Every structure is written in structure tokens, then in C-alpha cells.
Amino acid sequence: MAVSLEDLTKETKSLYGLVICAAGRANELTNGAQPLIQTKSKKISTIALEELGKGKVRFELTGFKSLTKDKD
């Protein structure tokens, strides 16, 4: 399955979040996680993107915390 950027970004406004999610899933696959889909691809990054494209992996944008302490 060819994964197009347009298809992957249809459901999200955050390309950055999509990339971070795919990288995180690729890392899981590298560390031994089993693919959630049947694919002919042997490339881990492609498998991660295909999983995202088929809705098997999702990401959620959450708030962030400052690493600096507020000074009163």
C-alpha cells in the first residue's frame, strides 16, 4: 500500500504530531512490537505510516508543561 501525505493529513491539522507518532510507532516496531496490519513492506517506517493510514494507530495532541519554574 502506498501511503500519501495527503491521506495521512486528512484527519489532523498537525503534520508535526503525525511525524512524531509515526516515529514513535516505528521505534516500537524496532524494539519488537508486532505490526497491527498485514503488509508486504519490510521497512519499519513504512509499516508505521501504513498503520496510521489504516487507523490502527492514533495520536492525541495534549498540552505541555513548562520546564522552567515560574518566579513570583
Foldseek 3Di string as FASTA:
>chain_A
DDFDPCLLCPVDPDPPQVVVQLVVQLVVVVVPDDQPDDDPDPRSSVSSRVCSSVVVDDDDDDDDDDPDDDDD
